[in-house]
Amino acid sequence: MTDAVLTEEDGAVLVITINRPEARNAVNGAVAQGIAAALDELDSRKDLSIGVLTGAGGTFCAGMDLKGFLTGDNPIVEGRGFAGIVERPAAKPLIAAIEGYALAGGCEIALSCDMVVAARDAQFGLPEPKRGLVAAGGGLLRLPQRIPFHIAMEIALTGDKYPAERMAELGFVNRLTEPGGALAAARELALKVAENAPLALAATKKVIVESPTWGPDEVWKKQQEVTLPVFTSKDAQEGPAAFAEKRKPNWTGE
């Protein structure tokens, strides 16, 4: 990790914090590299089941560091794309905890996550056209998958900011909190998810994310390829045993 991105472990939850509050957590090369490294850690460790991605200082992320962009500071990580996440998000579940702004690249980072918890006064948007740019970090690809087509068009074409309560109505935001409460609520949700078996969680995410691209003749075969290793794992034995013995399961990720 770098000072631009901090990590903290909470049981099986890895909390990842973009730490450039003086720049509203705008993404520069250090942030991109830090997020990529944190996701690598999350995905590689058996004792971690889920991540929470947030921003320091009351703002999630205001997007790409435009000043850095003009001086050649590269916010792209090979293999993961912008911010170290948009082209290859974590294999394990990831929750965005959003206060303040999630704009431009910040909104695209949120779109790369699997769930979104936001303060009621948070704001989302893709203002790239206002700066002569295009939301090419996944915003135009993912937003129409998350909310109705015509609303996605309005958000992308106007470049305006949209409040968290409206985004929750559209299904973009899972849970709303009072200002200052997004991270605590995201941790609570993450800990609830982390009670479940880590291999099962990762496989569940993979099927949900990838199955829309599977053809009708291959969907069951593809699903089996993802899920069969879970059914033959040690955790698949531990779960029923714990149920029968009326105790909490001891997951090993094996």
Protein backbone atom coordinates (compact mmCIF):
# COMPACT_ATOMS: atom_id res chain seq x y z
CA MET A 1 0.00 0.00 0.00
CA THR A 2 0.95 3.68 -0.28
CA ASP A 3 -0.05 6.67 1.84
CA ALA A 4 -2.51 7.51 -0.94
CA VAL A 5 -4.47 4.34 -0.16
CA LEU A 6 -4.84 2.89 3.34
CA THR A 7 -6.10 -0.55 4.36
CA GLU A 8 -7.55 -1.89 7.60
CA GLU A 9 -8.70 -5.39 8.46
CA ASP A 10 -11.95 -6.00 10.32
CA GLY A 11 -12.22 -9.75 10.67
CA ALA A 12 -12.70 -11.10 7.16
CA VAL A 13 -13.37 -7.58 5.83
CA LEU A 14 -10.67 -5.44 4.20
CA VAL A 15 -11.46 -1.71 4.37
CA ILE A 16 -9.70 0.22 1.58
CA THR A 17 -9.55 4.01 1.93
CA ILE A 18 -8.55 6.48 -0.79
CA ASN A 19 -6.48 8.94 1.23
CA ARG A 20 -6.12 12.20 -0.69
CA PRO A 21 -8.72 14.35 1.09
CA GLU A 22 -6.87 17.53 0.14
CA ALA A 23 -7.66 16.68 -3.51
CA ARG A 24 -11.14 15.27 -2.81
CA ASN A 25 -9.56 11.83 -3.31
CA ALA A 26 -8.94 12.46 -7.00
CA VAL A 27 -7.26 9.50 -8.68
CA ASN A 28 -3.60 9.87 -9.58
CA GLY A 29 -1.02 7.19 -10.23
CA ALA A 30 -0.39 6.55 -6.53
CA VAL A 31 -4.10 6.03 -5.85
CA ALA A 32 -4.46 3.70 -8.83
CA GLN A 33 -1.47 1.62 -7.78
CA GLY A 34 -2.67 1.55 -4.17
CA ILE A 35 -6.18 0.36 -5.05
CA ALA A 36 -4.75 -2.32 -7.37
CA ALA A 37 -2.43 -3.55 -4.61
CA ALA A 38 -5.28 -3.63 -2.09
CA LEU A 39 -7.48 -5.64 -4.47
CA ASP A 40 -4.62 -8.05 -5.09
CA GLU A 41 -4.34 -8.55 -1.35
CA LEU A 42 -8.08 -9.04 -0.94
CA ASP A 43 -8.23 -11.63 -3.71
CA SER A 44 -5.11 -13.54 -2.68
CA ARG A 45 -5.78 -14.02 1.03
CA LYS A 46 -7.99 -16.90 2.20
CA ASP A 47 -8.82 -15.11 5.45
CA LEU A 48 -10.42 -12.16 3.65
CA SER A 49 -13.92 -12.55 2.18
CA ILE A 50 -15.06 -9.07 1.17
CA GLY A 51 -13.82 -5.51 0.79
CA VAL A 52 -15.18 -2.05 1.54
CA LEU A 53 -13.90 0.84 -0.58
CA THR A 54 -14.29 4.37 0.74
CA GLY A 55 -12.68 7.81 0.74
CA ALA A 56 -11.12 9.90 3.49
CA GLY A 57 -12.29 13.33 4.59
CA GLY A 58 -15.97 13.15 3.77
CA THR A 59 -15.65 12.59 0.01
CA PHE A 60 -15.59 9.29 -1.86
CA CYS A 61 -13.80 10.37 -5.04
CA ALA A 62 -14.13 13.40 -7.32
CA GLY A 63 -12.71 11.52 -10.30
CA MET A 64 -9.41 11.62 -12.15
CA ASP A 65 -6.79 14.11 -10.99
CA LEU A 66 -7.03 16.49 -13.94
CA LYS A 67 -3.95 18.46 -12.89
CA GLY A 68 -1.98 15.22 -12.75
CA PHE A 69 -3.43 14.16 -16.09
CA LEU A 70 -2.08 17.33 -17.70
CA THR A 71 1.42 16.64 -16.33
CA GLY A 72 1.48 13.00 -17.44
CA ASP A 73 0.67 11.33 -14.09
CA ASN A 74 -0.85 8.02 -15.21
CA PRO A 75 -3.90 6.85 -13.20
CA ILE A 76 -4.07 3.53 -15.07
CA VAL A 77 -2.72 0.17 -13.89
CA GLU A 78 -1.94 -2.43 -16.53
CA GLY A 79 -4.41 -5.29 -16.28
CA ARG A 80 -6.83 -3.39 -14.04
CA GLY A 81 -7.34 -0.11 -15.90
CA PHE A 82 -8.26 3.31 -14.50
CA ALA A 83 -7.93 3.61 -10.72
CA GLY A 84 -6.60 0.08 -10.58
CA ILE A 85 -10.13 -1.34 -10.66
CA VAL A 86 -12.46 -0.49 -13.56
CA GLU A 87 -11.27 -3.09 -16.07
CA ARG A 88 -10.73 -5.88 -13.55
CA PRO A 89 -12.54 -5.38 -10.25
CA ALA A 90 -11.96 -7.64 -7.26
CA ALA A 91 -12.88 -11.29 -7.68
CA LYS A 92 -14.35 -11.14 -4.18
CA PRO A 93 -17.35 -8.96 -3.28
CA LEU A 94 -16.71 -5.25 -2.84
CA ILE A 95 -18.91 -2.56 -1.27
CA ALA A 96 -18.54 1.17 -1.98
CA ALA A 97 -19.12 3.38 1.08
CA ILE A 98 -19.86 6.85 -0.25
CA GLU A 99 -19.92 10.26 1.39
CA GLY A 100 -19.85 13.51 -0.53
CA TYR A 101 -19.01 13.23 -4.20
CA ALA A 102 -18.77 10.14 -6.41
CA LEU A 103 -18.24 11.96 -9.68
CA ALA A 104 -16.69 11.07 -13.04
CA GLY A 105 -14.03 8.45 -12.30
CA GLY A 106 -15.33 8.30 -8.74
CA CYS A 107 -18.73 7.23 -10.03
CA GLU A 108 -17.00 4.70 -12.28
CA ILE A 109 -15.18 3.27 -9.27
CA ALA A 110 -18.52 2.91 -7.49
CA LEU A 111 -19.92 1.18 -10.58
CA SER A 112 -17.03 -1.30 -10.35
CA CYS A 113 -18.21 -2.34 -6.89
CA ASP A 114 -20.92 -4.92 -6.19
CA MET A 115 -22.95 -2.95 -3.66
CA VAL A 116 -23.22 0.73 -2.77
CA VAL A 117 -23.94 2.30 0.61
CA ALA A 118 -24.28 6.08 0.49
CA ALA A 119 -25.04 9.01 2.74
CA ARG A 120 -28.27 10.79 1.86
CA ASP A 121 -26.42 13.94 0.86
CA ALA A 122 -23.93 12.16 -1.41
CA GLN A 123 -23.97 13.03 -5.11
CA PHE A 124 -23.24 10.96 -8.20
CA GLY A 125 -22.56 11.92 -11.78
CA LEU A 126 -20.56 11.54 -14.98
CA PRO A 127 -19.55 15.13 -15.78
CA GLU A 128 -16.85 14.22 -18.32
CA PRO A 129 -18.64 15.89 -21.29
CA LYS A 130 -18.49 19.20 -19.39
CA ARG A 131 -14.69 18.94 -19.63
CA GLY A 132 -14.53 17.71 -23.22
CA LEU A 133 -13.95 14.14 -22.05
CA VAL A 134 -15.84 10.83 -22.12
CA ALA A 135 -16.64 8.46 -19.23
CA ALA A 136 -14.50 5.70 -20.71
CA GLY A 137 -13.65 4.09 -17.36
CA GLY A 138 -16.71 1.87 -17.43
CA GLY A 139 -19.32 4.54 -16.75
CA LEU A 140 -20.96 4.26 -20.16
CA LEU A 141 -20.69 0.46 -20.11
CA ARG A 142 -21.97 -0.23 -16.60
CA LEU A 143 -24.48 2.52 -15.87
CA PRO A 144 -27.14 1.23 -18.35
CA GLN A 145 -26.79 -2.20 -16.69
CA ARG A 146 -27.57 -0.73 -13.27
CA ILE A 147 -30.42 1.69 -13.98
CA PRO A 148 -33.02 2.24 -16.74
CA PHE A 149 -31.62 3.08 -20.17
CA HIS A 150 -33.19 6.51 -20.60
CA ILE A 151 -32.12 7.67 -17.13
CA ALA A 152 -28.59 6.44 -17.81
CA MET A 153 -28.61 8.47 -21.02
CA GLU A 154 -29.75 11.58 -19.16
CA ILE A 155 -27.04 11.23 -16.50
CA ALA A 156 -24.31 10.58 -19.08
CA LEU A 157 -25.34 13.29 -21.54
CA THR A 158 -26.14 16.13 -19.13
CA GLY A 159 -23.12 15.56 -16.92
CA ASP A 160 -25.21 16.81 -13.99
CA LYS A 161 -24.99 15.68 -10.36
CA TYR A 162 -27.71 13.38 -9.01
CA PRO A 163 -28.51 12.92 -5.30
CA ALA A 164 -28.06 9.60 -3.54
CA GLU A 165 -31.77 9.38 -2.71
CA ARG A 166 -32.63 9.51 -6.42
CA MET A 167 -29.95 6.92 -7.20
CA ALA A 168 -31.41 4.70 -4.50
CA GLU A 169 -34.84 5.00 -6.11
CA LEU A 170 -33.25 3.84 -9.37
CA GLY A 171 -31.64 0.82 -7.70
CA PHE A 172 -28.06 2.11 -7.93
CA VAL A 173 -27.68 2.45 -4.14
CA ASN A 174 -28.39 -0.47 -1.81
CA ARG A 175 -28.63 1.42 1.48
CA LEU A 176 -28.92 5.08 2.47
CA THR A 177 -27.53 6.46 5.72
CA GLU A 178 -27.42 9.76 7.49
CA PRO A 179 -24.41 11.92 6.58
CA GLY A 180 -21.26 10.47 8.08
CA GLY A 181 -22.73 6.99 8.45
CA ALA A 182 -21.87 5.34 5.12
CA LEU A 183 -18.71 3.55 6.22
CA ALA A 184 -20.27 2.17 9.41
CA ALA A 185 -23.28 0.87 7.47
CA ALA A 186 -21.02 -0.62 4.77
CA ARG A 187 -18.93 -2.36 7.44
CA GLU A 188 -22.12 -3.77 8.97
CA LEU A 189 -23.26 -5.09 5.59
CA ALA A 190 -19.79 -6.48 4.84
CA LEU A 191 -19.57 -8.29 8.16
CA LYS A 192 -22.97 -9.85 7.50
CA VAL A 193 -21.80 -11.08 4.10
CA ALA A 194 -18.51 -12.29 5.62
CA GLU A 195 -20.41 -14.70 7.88
CA ASN A 196 -20.80 -16.86 4.78
CA ALA A 197 -18.26 -19.18 3.17
CA PRO A 198 -15.62 -17.22 1.17
CA LEU A 199 -15.41 -19.67 -1.74
CA ALA A 200 -19.19 -19.63 -2.06
CA LEU A 201 -19.22 -15.82 -2.01
CA ALA A 202 -16.61 -15.51 -4.75
CA ALA A 203 -18.35 -18.11 -6.92
CA THR A 204 -21.72 -16.44 -6.40
CA LYS A 205 -20.32 -13.10 -7.52
CA LYS A 206 -18.63 -14.66 -10.55
CA VAL A 207 -21.84 -16.30 -11.77
CA ILE A 208 -23.92 -13.15 -11.32
CA VAL A 209 -21.34 -10.92 -13.03
CA GLU A 210 -20.38 -13.22 -15.91
CA SER A 211 -23.58 -15.15 -16.71
CA PRO A 212 -25.19 -12.37 -18.81
CA THR A 213 -22.49 -13.02 -21.43
CA TRP A 214 -23.01 -16.78 -21.48
CA GLY A 215 -24.98 -18.21 -24.37
CA PRO A 216 -28.13 -20.27 -23.72
CA ASP A 217 -26.39 -23.46 -24.82
CA GLU A 218 -23.51 -23.03 -22.38
CA VAL A 219 -25.05 -21.35 -19.34
CA TRP A 220 -25.44 -24.49 -17.21
CA LYS A 221 -22.04 -25.83 -18.18
CA LYS A 222 -20.37 -22.53 -17.36
CA GLN A 223 -22.17 -22.32 -14.04
CA GLN A 224 -21.04 -25.83 -13.14
CA GLU A 225 -17.44 -24.94 -13.94
CA VAL A 226 -17.62 -22.11 -11.42
CA THR A 227 -19.63 -23.84 -8.70
CA LEU A 228 -18.38 -27.44 -8.73
CA PRO A 229 -15.14 -26.59 -6.88
CA VAL A 230 -17.25 -25.05 -4.13
CA PHE A 231 -19.33 -28.21 -3.68
CA THR A 232 -16.16 -30.30 -3.41
CA SER A 233 -14.41 -27.95 -0.96
CA LYS A 234 -13.70 -28.44 2.74
CA ASP A 235 -16.02 -25.54 3.50
CA ALA A 236 -18.88 -27.44 1.82
CA GLN A 237 -18.35 -30.15 4.44
CA GLU A 238 -17.96 -27.67 7.26
CA GLY A 239 -21.22 -25.84 6.57
CA PRO A 240 -23.59 -28.82 6.95
CA ALA A 241 -21.54 -30.12 9.90
CA ALA A 242 -21.85 -26.81 11.72
CA PHE A 243 -25.58 -26.73 11.00
CA ALA A 244 -26.03 -30.24 12.40
CA GLU A 245 -23.95 -29.44 15.47
CA LYS A 246 -25.74 -26.10 16.02
CA ARG A 247 -22.57 -24.02 15.96
CA LYS A 248 -21.01 -21.33 13.83
CA PRO A 249 -19.01 -22.69 10.89
CA ASN A 250 -15.25 -22.31 10.85
CA TRP A 251 -14.53 -21.34 7.26
CA THR A 252 -11.02 -21.90 5.91
CA GLY A 253 -11.50 -20.90 2.28
CA GLU A 254 -10.48 -24.39 1.21
